[in-house]
N, C-alpha and C. Protein backbone atom coordinates (compact mmCIF):
# COMPACT_ATOMS: atom_id res chain seq x y z
N MET A 1 39.68 48.63 -42.14
CA MET A 1 38.73 47.54 -42.20
C MET A 1 37.45 48.11 -42.82
N ASP A 2 36.91 47.39 -43.77
CA ASP A 2 35.64 47.78 -44.36
C ASP A 2 34.50 47.17 -43.56
N LEU A 3 33.48 47.99 -43.32
CA LEU A 3 32.31 47.52 -42.59
C LEU A 3 31.25 47.04 -43.56
N SER A 4 30.62 45.93 -43.24
CA SER A 4 29.48 45.47 -44.01
C SER A 4 28.28 46.36 -43.66
N ASP A 5 27.23 46.30 -44.45
CA ASP A 5 26.03 47.07 -44.14
C ASP A 5 25.47 46.68 -42.78
N ILE A 6 25.50 45.39 -42.49
CA ILE A 6 24.98 44.90 -41.21
C ILE A 6 25.80 45.46 -40.05
N SER A 7 27.12 45.34 -40.14
CA SER A 7 27.96 45.84 -39.04
C SER A 7 27.84 47.35 -38.90
N ARG A 8 27.74 48.06 -40.02
CA ARG A 8 27.59 49.51 -39.98
C ARG A 8 26.29 49.89 -39.25
N LYS A 9 25.19 49.22 -39.59
CA LYS A 9 23.90 49.51 -38.94
C LYS A 9 23.97 49.21 -37.45
N PHE A 10 24.60 48.09 -37.09
CA PHE A 10 24.73 47.72 -35.69
C PHE A 10 25.52 48.79 -34.94
N ILE A 11 26.64 49.20 -35.48
CA ILE A 11 27.52 50.16 -34.82
C ILE A 11 26.86 51.53 -34.71
N VAL A 12 26.22 51.98 -35.77
CA VAL A 12 25.55 53.28 -35.75
C VAL A 12 24.41 53.26 -34.73
N HIS A 13 23.62 52.20 -34.75
CA HIS A 13 22.51 52.12 -33.79
C HIS A 13 23.02 52.06 -32.36
N TRP A 14 24.07 51.29 -32.11
CA TRP A 14 24.62 51.20 -30.76
C TRP A 14 25.09 52.57 -30.28
N GLY A 15 25.65 53.35 -31.19
CA GLY A 15 26.06 54.72 -30.85
C GLY A 15 24.86 55.59 -30.49
N GLU A 16 23.77 55.44 -31.24
CA GLU A 16 22.55 56.20 -30.94
C GLU A 16 21.98 55.78 -29.59
N MET A 17 21.96 54.47 -29.32
CA MET A 17 21.45 54.00 -28.04
C MET A 17 22.35 54.46 -26.90
N GLY A 18 23.64 54.44 -27.12
CA GLY A 18 24.56 54.92 -26.08
C GLY A 18 24.24 56.35 -25.69
N THR A 19 23.97 57.19 -26.69
CA THR A 19 23.61 58.58 -26.42
C THR A 19 22.35 58.64 -25.58
N ALA A 20 21.37 57.81 -25.89
CA ALA A 20 20.12 57.78 -25.12
C ALA A 20 20.38 57.33 -23.67
N TRP A 21 21.40 56.51 -23.45
CA TRP A 21 21.74 56.01 -22.12
C TRP A 21 22.73 56.92 -21.39
N GLY A 22 23.09 58.04 -22.02
CA GLY A 22 24.02 58.98 -21.40
C GLY A 22 25.48 58.64 -21.63
N VAL A 23 25.76 57.86 -22.67
CA VAL A 23 27.13 57.48 -22.99
C VAL A 23 27.51 58.14 -24.30
N ASN A 24 28.73 58.63 -24.38
CA ASN A 24 29.23 59.26 -25.59
C ASN A 24 29.07 58.34 -26.80
N ARG A 25 28.65 58.91 -27.91
CA ARG A 25 28.39 58.14 -29.13
C ARG A 25 29.63 57.36 -29.59
N THR A 26 30.79 58.00 -29.59
CA THR A 26 32.00 57.32 -30.05
C THR A 26 32.37 56.17 -29.12
N VAL A 27 32.21 56.37 -27.83
CA VAL A 27 32.48 55.30 -26.87
C VAL A 27 31.62 54.09 -27.20
N SER A 28 30.34 54.34 -27.42
CA SER A 28 29.41 53.25 -27.74
C SER A 28 29.75 52.59 -29.07
N GLN A 29 30.11 53.38 -30.06
CA GLN A 29 30.43 52.82 -31.38
C GLN A 29 31.70 51.98 -31.33
N ILE A 30 32.68 52.41 -30.57
CA ILE A 30 33.91 51.61 -30.44
C ILE A 30 33.59 50.28 -29.78
N HIS A 31 32.80 50.32 -28.72
CA HIS A 31 32.43 49.07 -28.06
C HIS A 31 31.67 48.16 -29.02
N ALA A 32 30.75 48.73 -29.78
CA ALA A 32 29.98 47.96 -30.76
C ALA A 32 30.90 47.34 -31.82
N LEU A 33 31.87 48.10 -32.29
CA LEU A 33 32.82 47.58 -33.28
C LEU A 33 33.59 46.39 -32.72
N LEU A 34 34.11 46.54 -31.52
CA LEU A 34 34.87 45.45 -30.90
C LEU A 34 33.99 44.23 -30.65
N PHE A 35 32.77 44.47 -30.20
CA PHE A 35 31.85 43.36 -29.92
C PHE A 35 31.45 42.66 -31.22
N PHE A 36 31.07 43.42 -32.21
CA PHE A 36 30.58 42.83 -33.45
C PHE A 36 31.66 42.00 -34.14
N HIS A 37 32.86 42.54 -34.20
CA HIS A 37 33.92 41.83 -34.92
C HIS A 37 34.60 40.75 -34.08
N GLY A 38 34.50 40.84 -32.77
CA GLY A 38 34.96 39.76 -31.92
C GLY A 38 36.45 39.47 -31.98
N ARG A 39 37.24 40.46 -32.34
CA ARG A 39 38.69 40.27 -32.36
C ARG A 39 39.36 41.55 -31.91
N PRO A 40 40.56 41.45 -31.37
CA PRO A 40 41.26 42.65 -30.91
C PRO A 40 41.59 43.60 -32.07
N LEU A 41 41.45 44.89 -31.80
CA LEU A 41 41.80 45.92 -32.77
C LEU A 41 42.67 46.95 -32.08
N ASN A 42 43.59 47.54 -32.83
CA ASN A 42 44.39 48.62 -32.25
C ASN A 42 43.70 49.95 -32.50
N ALA A 43 44.17 50.99 -31.84
CA ALA A 43 43.52 52.30 -31.91
C ALA A 43 43.50 52.85 -33.33
N GLU A 44 44.55 52.61 -34.08
CA GLU A 44 44.61 53.11 -35.46
C GLU A 44 43.54 52.44 -36.32
N GLU A 45 43.37 51.13 -36.17
CA GLU A 45 42.32 50.42 -36.91
C GLU A 45 40.93 50.95 -36.54
N ILE A 46 40.74 51.19 -35.28
CA ILE A 46 39.45 51.70 -34.81
C ILE A 46 39.20 53.09 -35.39
N SER A 47 40.21 53.95 -35.32
CA SER A 47 40.10 55.30 -35.84
C SER A 47 39.79 55.30 -37.34
N ASP A 48 40.52 54.50 -38.10
CA ASP A 48 40.30 54.42 -39.55
C ASP A 48 38.94 53.85 -39.89
N THR A 49 38.54 52.80 -39.19
CA THR A 49 37.27 52.13 -39.49
C THR A 49 36.08 53.02 -39.21
N LEU A 50 36.12 53.73 -38.09
CA LEU A 50 34.99 54.56 -37.71
C LEU A 50 35.10 56.00 -38.21
N ALA A 51 36.23 56.33 -38.84
CA ALA A 51 36.48 57.69 -39.33
C ALA A 51 36.34 58.70 -38.19
N VAL A 52 37.05 58.39 -37.10
CA VAL A 52 37.02 59.21 -35.90
C VAL A 52 38.45 59.62 -35.59
N ALA A 53 38.63 60.83 -35.09
CA ALA A 53 39.96 61.33 -34.75
C ALA A 53 40.63 60.41 -33.73
N ARG A 54 41.93 60.26 -33.91
CA ARG A 54 42.72 59.37 -33.04
C ARG A 54 42.61 59.79 -31.58
N SER A 55 42.58 61.10 -31.31
CA SER A 55 42.47 61.59 -29.93
C SER A 55 41.11 61.20 -29.34
N ASN A 56 40.06 61.24 -30.15
CA ASN A 56 38.73 60.83 -29.69
C ASN A 56 38.72 59.34 -29.37
N VAL A 57 39.37 58.55 -30.21
CA VAL A 57 39.47 57.11 -29.98
C VAL A 57 40.22 56.85 -28.68
N SER A 58 41.31 57.55 -28.48
CA SER A 58 42.11 57.37 -27.27
C SER A 58 41.29 57.66 -26.01
N ASN A 59 40.59 58.78 -26.01
CA ASN A 59 39.76 59.14 -24.85
C ASN A 59 38.62 58.14 -24.65
N SER A 60 38.04 57.69 -25.75
CA SER A 60 36.94 56.73 -25.66
C SER A 60 37.42 55.38 -25.13
N LEU A 61 38.60 54.97 -25.55
CA LEU A 61 39.16 53.71 -25.05
C LEU A 61 39.43 53.80 -23.55
N LYS A 62 39.91 54.95 -23.10
CA LYS A 62 40.14 55.14 -21.66
C LYS A 62 38.83 55.01 -20.89
N GLU A 63 37.76 55.57 -21.43
CA GLU A 63 36.47 55.47 -20.76
C GLU A 63 35.97 54.03 -20.72
N LEU A 64 36.11 53.33 -21.83
CA LEU A 64 35.70 51.91 -21.86
C LEU A 64 36.53 51.07 -20.89
N LEU A 65 37.81 51.37 -20.78
CA LEU A 65 38.67 50.68 -19.81
C LEU A 65 38.20 50.98 -18.38
N ASN A 66 37.86 52.24 -18.12
CA ASN A 66 37.39 52.62 -16.78
C ASN A 66 36.08 51.93 -16.41
N TRP A 67 35.27 51.61 -17.42
CA TRP A 67 34.00 50.92 -17.19
C TRP A 67 34.19 49.40 -17.16
N ASN A 68 35.41 48.94 -17.37
CA ASN A 68 35.72 47.50 -17.40
C ASN A 68 35.00 46.77 -18.54
N LEU A 69 34.71 47.51 -19.62
CA LEU A 69 34.02 46.90 -20.76
C LEU A 69 34.98 46.41 -21.84
N ILE A 70 36.22 46.84 -21.77
CA ILE A 70 37.24 46.34 -22.69
C ILE A 70 38.51 46.06 -21.90
N ARG A 71 39.42 45.36 -22.54
CA ARG A 71 40.71 45.09 -21.92
C ARG A 71 41.79 45.25 -22.99
N VAL A 72 42.99 45.53 -22.52
CA VAL A 72 44.14 45.66 -23.41
C VAL A 72 44.76 44.29 -23.60
N THR A 73 45.14 44.01 -24.82
CA THR A 73 45.81 42.76 -25.12
C THR A 73 46.94 43.05 -26.10
N GLN A 74 47.77 42.08 -26.31
CA GLN A 74 48.90 42.24 -27.23
C GLN A 74 48.79 41.22 -28.35
N VAL A 75 49.38 41.57 -29.46
CA VAL A 75 49.47 40.66 -30.60
C VAL A 75 50.94 40.39 -30.84
N LEU A 76 51.29 39.13 -30.95
CA LEU A 76 52.68 38.72 -31.14
C LEU A 76 53.31 39.47 -32.31
N GLY A 77 54.46 40.05 -32.09
CA GLY A 77 55.19 40.75 -33.14
C GLY A 77 54.75 42.19 -33.35
N ASP A 78 53.84 42.70 -32.54
CA ASP A 78 53.34 44.07 -32.68
C ASP A 78 53.43 44.75 -31.32
N ARG A 79 54.06 45.91 -31.27
CA ARG A 79 54.23 46.60 -30.00
C ARG A 79 53.02 47.43 -29.59
N ARG A 80 52.08 47.61 -30.49
CA ARG A 80 50.91 48.43 -30.18
C ARG A 80 49.96 47.68 -29.24
N ASP A 81 49.19 48.47 -28.51
CA ASP A 81 48.14 47.89 -27.69
C ASP A 81 46.93 47.59 -28.57
N TYR A 82 46.31 46.46 -28.28
CA TYR A 82 45.08 46.08 -28.95
C TYR A 82 43.99 46.03 -27.89
N TYR A 83 42.77 46.20 -28.33
CA TYR A 83 41.65 46.26 -27.41
C TYR A 83 40.61 45.23 -27.82
N GLU A 84 40.04 44.59 -26.80
CA GLU A 84 39.00 43.60 -27.06
C GLU A 84 37.95 43.71 -25.98
N THR A 85 36.78 43.16 -26.28
CA THR A 85 35.69 43.12 -25.32
C THR A 85 35.19 41.69 -25.24
N SER A 86 34.42 41.43 -24.24
CA SER A 86 33.85 40.10 -24.09
C SER A 86 32.85 39.85 -25.20
N SER A 87 32.77 38.62 -25.63
CA SER A 87 31.74 38.24 -26.61
C SER A 87 30.52 37.66 -25.90
N ASP A 88 30.57 37.60 -24.57
CA ASP A 88 29.49 37.06 -23.76
C ASP A 88 28.56 38.21 -23.35
N VAL A 89 27.36 38.26 -23.93
CA VAL A 89 26.43 39.35 -23.64
C VAL A 89 26.04 39.40 -22.17
N TRP A 90 25.98 38.24 -21.51
CA TRP A 90 25.63 38.21 -20.10
C TRP A 90 26.74 38.83 -19.26
N GLU A 91 27.99 38.57 -19.61
CA GLU A 91 29.10 39.20 -18.90
C GLU A 91 29.06 40.71 -19.08
N LEU A 92 28.79 41.16 -20.30
CA LEU A 92 28.69 42.60 -20.56
C LEU A 92 27.53 43.21 -19.78
N PHE A 93 26.40 42.52 -19.76
CA PHE A 93 25.24 43.00 -19.01
C PHE A 93 25.59 43.17 -17.54
N ARG A 94 26.21 42.14 -16.97
CA ARG A 94 26.59 42.20 -15.55
C ARG A 94 27.56 43.34 -15.29
N THR A 95 28.51 43.54 -16.18
CA THR A 95 29.48 44.61 -16.01
C THR A 95 28.80 45.96 -16.01
N VAL A 96 27.92 46.18 -16.97
CA VAL A 96 27.22 47.46 -17.06
C VAL A 96 26.36 47.69 -15.82
N VAL A 97 25.61 46.68 -15.40
CA VAL A 97 24.76 46.82 -14.21
C VAL A 97 25.62 47.09 -12.98
N ARG A 98 26.68 46.33 -12.81
CA ARG A 98 27.55 46.50 -11.64
C ARG A 98 28.17 47.90 -11.63
N GLU A 99 28.70 48.33 -12.76
CA GLU A 99 29.35 49.64 -12.84
C GLU A 99 28.36 50.78 -12.61
N ARG A 100 27.18 50.68 -13.22
CA ARG A 100 26.18 51.74 -13.05
C ARG A 100 25.69 51.78 -11.61
N LYS A 101 25.52 50.60 -11.01
CA LYS A 101 25.08 50.54 -9.61
C LYS A 101 26.12 51.23 -8.71
N GLU A 102 27.39 50.91 -8.92
CA GLU A 102 28.45 51.49 -8.09
C GLU A 102 28.59 53.00 -8.30
N ARG A 103 28.40 53.47 -9.54
CA ARG A 103 28.62 54.88 -9.86
C ARG A 103 27.41 55.77 -9.61
N GLU A 104 26.22 55.22 -9.79
CA GLU A 104 25.03 56.06 -9.75
C GLU A 104 24.09 55.71 -8.59
N PHE A 105 23.85 54.45 -8.40
CA PHE A 105 22.85 54.01 -7.43
C PHE A 105 23.39 54.06 -6.01
N ASP A 106 24.54 53.44 -5.77
CA ASP A 106 25.10 53.36 -4.41
C ASP A 106 25.34 54.74 -3.78
N PRO A 107 25.86 55.73 -4.52
CA PRO A 107 26.04 57.05 -3.90
C PRO A 107 24.71 57.68 -3.45
N THR A 108 23.64 57.42 -4.18
CA THR A 108 22.34 57.95 -3.79
C THR A 108 21.85 57.28 -2.51
N VAL A 109 22.04 55.98 -2.40
CA VAL A 109 21.66 55.27 -1.17
C VAL A 109 22.46 55.81 0.01
N ARG A 110 23.77 56.01 -0.19
CA ARG A 110 24.59 56.56 0.91
C ARG A 110 24.10 57.95 1.33
N MET A 111 23.77 58.79 0.35
CA MET A 111 23.30 60.14 0.65
C MET A 111 21.98 60.09 1.41
N LEU A 112 21.05 59.23 0.99
CA LEU A 112 19.77 59.11 1.69
C LEU A 112 19.96 58.62 3.12
N ARG A 113 20.85 57.66 3.31
CA ARG A 113 21.14 57.18 4.67
C ARG A 113 21.70 58.30 5.54
N GLU A 114 22.60 59.10 4.95
CA GLU A 114 23.17 60.23 5.69
C GLU A 114 22.10 61.24 6.08
N LEU A 115 21.17 61.53 5.14
CA LEU A 115 20.10 62.48 5.44
C LEU A 115 19.24 62.00 6.60
N VAL A 116 18.82 60.74 6.55
CA VAL A 116 17.95 60.18 7.58
C VAL A 116 18.67 60.15 8.93
N ALA A 117 19.96 59.97 8.93
CA ALA A 117 20.73 59.88 10.17
C ALA A 117 21.01 61.24 10.81
N GLN A 118 20.85 62.31 10.06
CA GLN A 118 21.14 63.64 10.61
C GLN A 118 20.06 64.07 11.60
N PRO A 119 20.47 64.68 12.71
CA PRO A 119 19.48 65.15 13.69
C PRO A 119 18.48 66.15 13.09
N GLN A 120 18.91 66.95 12.14
CA GLN A 120 18.04 67.95 11.52
C GLN A 120 16.90 67.32 10.72
N PHE A 121 17.06 66.03 10.37
CA PHE A 121 16.04 65.35 9.58
C PHE A 121 14.70 65.34 10.32
N ALA A 122 14.75 65.25 11.63
CA ALA A 122 13.53 65.21 12.45
C ALA A 122 12.75 66.52 12.35
N ALA A 123 13.40 67.61 11.94
CA ALA A 123 12.72 68.90 11.81
C ALA A 123 11.93 69.02 10.51
N GLU A 124 12.14 68.10 9.59
CA GLU A 124 11.38 68.12 8.34
C GLU A 124 9.95 67.67 8.60
N THR A 125 9.05 68.02 7.69
CA THR A 125 7.66 67.63 7.87
C THR A 125 7.54 66.11 7.88
N PRO A 126 6.56 65.57 8.59
CA PRO A 126 6.38 64.12 8.61
C PRO A 126 6.21 63.53 7.20
N ASP A 127 5.49 64.25 6.33
CA ASP A 127 5.32 63.76 4.96
C ASP A 127 6.65 63.67 4.22
N ALA A 128 7.48 64.68 4.38
CA ALA A 128 8.78 64.68 3.72
C ALA A 128 9.65 63.56 4.28
N GLN A 129 9.63 63.38 5.59
CA GLN A 129 10.39 62.29 6.21
C GLN A 129 9.93 60.95 5.66
N ASP A 130 8.61 60.76 5.55
CA ASP A 130 8.08 59.50 5.02
C ASP A 130 8.55 59.26 3.59
N ARG A 131 8.51 60.31 2.77
CA ARG A 131 8.92 60.14 1.36
C ARG A 131 10.39 59.78 1.25
N VAL A 132 11.23 60.43 2.04
CA VAL A 132 12.67 60.14 1.99
C VAL A 132 12.93 58.72 2.50
N ARG A 133 12.30 58.35 3.61
CA ARG A 133 12.49 57.00 4.15
C ARG A 133 11.98 55.93 3.17
N GLU A 134 10.85 56.20 2.55
CA GLU A 134 10.31 55.23 1.58
C GLU A 134 11.22 55.13 0.36
N THR A 135 11.78 56.25 -0.07
CA THR A 135 12.73 56.23 -1.18
C THR A 135 13.95 55.40 -0.80
N LEU A 136 14.44 55.60 0.41
CA LEU A 136 15.59 54.83 0.89
C LEU A 136 15.25 53.34 0.94
N ARG A 137 14.09 52.99 1.48
CA ARG A 137 13.70 51.57 1.54
C ARG A 137 13.61 50.96 0.14
N LEU A 138 13.01 51.69 -0.77
CA LEU A 138 12.90 51.20 -2.15
C LEU A 138 14.29 50.99 -2.75
N MET A 139 15.15 51.97 -2.60
CA MET A 139 16.48 51.86 -3.20
C MET A 139 17.31 50.77 -2.55
N GLU A 140 17.18 50.60 -1.24
CA GLU A 140 17.90 49.50 -0.58
C GLU A 140 17.38 48.15 -1.08
N SER A 141 16.07 48.04 -1.25
CA SER A 141 15.50 46.79 -1.76
C SER A 141 15.96 46.51 -3.18
N LEU A 142 15.93 47.53 -4.02
CA LEU A 142 16.39 47.36 -5.40
C LEU A 142 17.88 47.01 -5.45
N GLY A 143 18.65 47.63 -4.57
CA GLY A 143 20.08 47.33 -4.52
C GLY A 143 20.35 45.89 -4.12
N SER A 144 19.60 45.41 -3.12
CA SER A 144 19.74 44.01 -2.69
C SER A 144 19.33 43.07 -3.82
N TRP A 145 18.23 43.41 -4.48
CA TRP A 145 17.75 42.58 -5.58
C TRP A 145 18.79 42.54 -6.71
N ALA A 146 19.36 43.69 -7.03
CA ALA A 146 20.37 43.74 -8.10
C ALA A 146 21.58 42.87 -7.73
N GLU A 147 22.01 42.94 -6.49
CA GLU A 147 23.14 42.11 -6.05
C GLU A 147 22.82 40.63 -6.21
N GLU A 148 21.60 40.24 -5.82
CA GLU A 148 21.19 38.84 -5.97
C GLU A 148 21.17 38.43 -7.45
N MET A 149 20.64 39.28 -8.30
CA MET A 149 20.57 38.98 -9.73
C MET A 149 21.97 38.84 -10.34
N LEU A 150 22.90 39.67 -9.88
CA LEU A 150 24.26 39.61 -10.41
C LEU A 150 24.97 38.32 -10.00
N ARG A 151 24.51 37.69 -8.93
CA ARG A 151 25.12 36.43 -8.48
C ARG A 151 24.58 35.21 -9.22
N LEU A 152 23.45 35.37 -9.90
CA LEU A 152 22.85 34.23 -10.60
C LEU A 152 23.65 33.85 -11.85
N SER A 153 23.61 32.59 -12.18
CA SER A 153 24.24 32.15 -13.43
C SER A 153 23.44 32.73 -14.59
N PRO A 154 24.05 32.89 -15.75
CA PRO A 154 23.30 33.39 -16.91
C PRO A 154 22.06 32.55 -17.22
N THR A 155 22.15 31.24 -17.08
CA THR A 155 21.01 30.38 -17.37
C THR A 155 19.86 30.67 -16.41
N THR A 156 20.17 30.79 -15.13
CA THR A 156 19.14 31.07 -14.13
C THR A 156 18.58 32.48 -14.34
N LEU A 157 19.44 33.43 -14.59
CA LEU A 157 19.00 34.80 -14.82
C LEU A 157 18.07 34.89 -16.02
N GLU A 158 18.39 34.18 -17.06
CA GLU A 158 17.53 34.17 -18.24
C GLU A 158 16.15 33.60 -17.90
N LYS A 159 16.13 32.54 -17.09
CA LYS A 159 14.84 31.96 -16.67
C LYS A 159 14.04 32.97 -15.86
N VAL A 160 14.71 33.68 -14.97
CA VAL A 160 14.03 34.69 -14.15
C VAL A 160 13.44 35.77 -15.06
N LEU A 161 14.19 36.20 -16.04
CA LEU A 161 13.70 37.23 -16.97
C LEU A 161 12.49 36.74 -17.76
N HIS A 162 12.51 35.48 -18.16
CA HIS A 162 11.41 34.92 -18.94
C HIS A 162 10.15 34.69 -18.10
N MET A 163 10.33 34.57 -16.79
CA MET A 163 9.17 34.35 -15.93
C MET A 163 8.23 35.55 -15.97
N GLY A 164 8.81 36.74 -16.00
CA GLY A 164 8.02 37.95 -16.13
C GLY A 164 6.81 38.00 -15.22
N ALA A 165 5.66 38.19 -15.82
CA ALA A 165 4.41 38.35 -15.07
C ALA A 165 3.99 37.08 -14.34
N SER A 166 4.55 35.94 -14.68
CA SER A 166 4.21 34.71 -13.98
C SER A 166 4.52 34.81 -12.49
N VAL A 167 5.44 35.67 -12.13
CA VAL A 167 5.79 35.85 -10.73
C VAL A 167 4.58 36.35 -9.95
N GLN A 168 3.72 37.12 -10.59
CA GLN A 168 2.54 37.64 -9.91
C GLN A 168 1.67 36.51 -9.36
N LYS A 169 1.54 35.44 -10.12
CA LYS A 169 0.74 34.30 -9.65
C LYS A 169 1.32 33.75 -8.36
N PHE A 170 2.63 33.63 -8.33
CA PHE A 170 3.31 33.10 -7.14
C PHE A 170 3.13 34.04 -5.95
N VAL A 171 3.34 35.32 -6.17
CA VAL A 171 3.27 36.29 -5.08
C VAL A 171 1.85 36.42 -4.56
N ARG A 172 0.88 36.41 -5.45
CA ARG A 172 -0.52 36.53 -5.04
C ARG A 172 -1.05 35.26 -4.39
N GLY A 173 -0.36 34.14 -4.62
CA GLY A 173 -0.81 32.88 -4.04
C GLY A 173 -2.09 32.38 -4.70
N SER A 174 -2.14 32.47 -6.01
CA SER A 174 -3.36 32.09 -6.73
C SER A 174 -3.64 30.60 -6.66
N GLY A 175 -2.68 29.83 -6.24
CA GLY A 175 -2.87 28.39 -6.21
C GLY A 175 -2.48 27.72 -7.52
N ASP A 176 -2.28 28.53 -8.55
CA ASP A 176 -1.87 27.97 -9.84
C ASP A 176 -0.35 27.84 -9.87
N PRO A 177 0.16 26.80 -10.52
CA PRO A 177 1.62 26.69 -10.62
C PRO A 177 2.17 27.79 -11.52
N VAL A 178 3.36 28.22 -11.23
CA VAL A 178 4.04 29.17 -12.09
C VAL A 178 4.82 28.35 -13.10
N THR A 179 4.62 28.67 -14.38
CA THR A 179 5.26 27.89 -15.43
C THR A 179 6.22 28.74 -16.22
N LEU A 180 7.24 28.09 -16.72
CA LEU A 180 8.23 28.71 -17.58
C LEU A 180 8.40 27.80 -18.77
N ASN A 181 8.06 28.30 -19.94
CA ASN A 181 8.14 27.51 -21.16
C ASN A 181 7.39 26.19 -21.03
N GLY A 182 6.22 26.26 -20.40
CA GLY A 182 5.37 25.08 -20.27
C GLY A 182 5.77 24.12 -19.17
N VAL A 183 6.76 24.48 -18.34
CA VAL A 183 7.22 23.61 -17.27
C VAL A 183 6.95 24.29 -15.94
N ASP A 184 6.32 23.57 -14.99
CA ASP A 184 6.10 24.14 -13.67
C ASP A 184 7.43 24.36 -12.98
N VAL A 185 7.68 25.61 -12.58
CA VAL A 185 8.93 25.91 -11.88
C VAL A 185 8.69 26.16 -10.40
N LEU A 186 7.48 26.50 -10.02
CA LEU A 186 7.13 26.67 -8.62
C LEU A 186 5.82 25.93 -8.37
N PRO A 187 5.79 25.02 -7.45
CA PRO A 187 4.55 24.28 -7.19
C PRO A 187 3.49 25.20 -6.60
N PRO A 188 2.21 24.91 -6.83
CA PRO A 188 1.15 25.78 -6.33
C PRO A 188 1.14 25.90 -4.81
N ALA A 189 1.63 24.93 -4.10
CA ALA A 189 1.60 24.97 -2.64
C ALA A 189 2.77 25.74 -2.05
N PHE A 190 3.71 26.15 -2.86
CA PHE A 190 4.92 26.82 -2.36
C PHE A 190 4.58 28.14 -1.72
């Protein structure tokens, strides 16, 4: 498959961003290729298009499958496996957030809870105890917030994202209505 200049730039940039996020460049580029083209591709097509070794493609596909970012599908009359990803950016966002939370965030919360629960924790300095407990409280709050955000519909989540700093007015109780795109979403008396 020949890549257009636009698709090539998208795929290359996605690979660079993946590296910045701690994801292998080829993994990110394969996901970008599948997302951009919006149709199932087999491993050979992916390898040829990206000029990447077949073994690298195979390992990268396994990683994308483990992250639940792609799925295997079949094409009638072809015995090879084809791979596709969601074309819904909100679904992809939720998947990435959910997977990263489960792999990175939740283990840290569990470890902090275990530390605080250990009898030896009381032997630490009061300042150290406070910092660990505050870190745990922050992470538990962020975890709860993330779970709530993941339950929102894409439309509602987008509205929440657009509210941005307007939330400060609500939290501070300024008496002013909080508006979103010129529409009051929270009354001043709330």
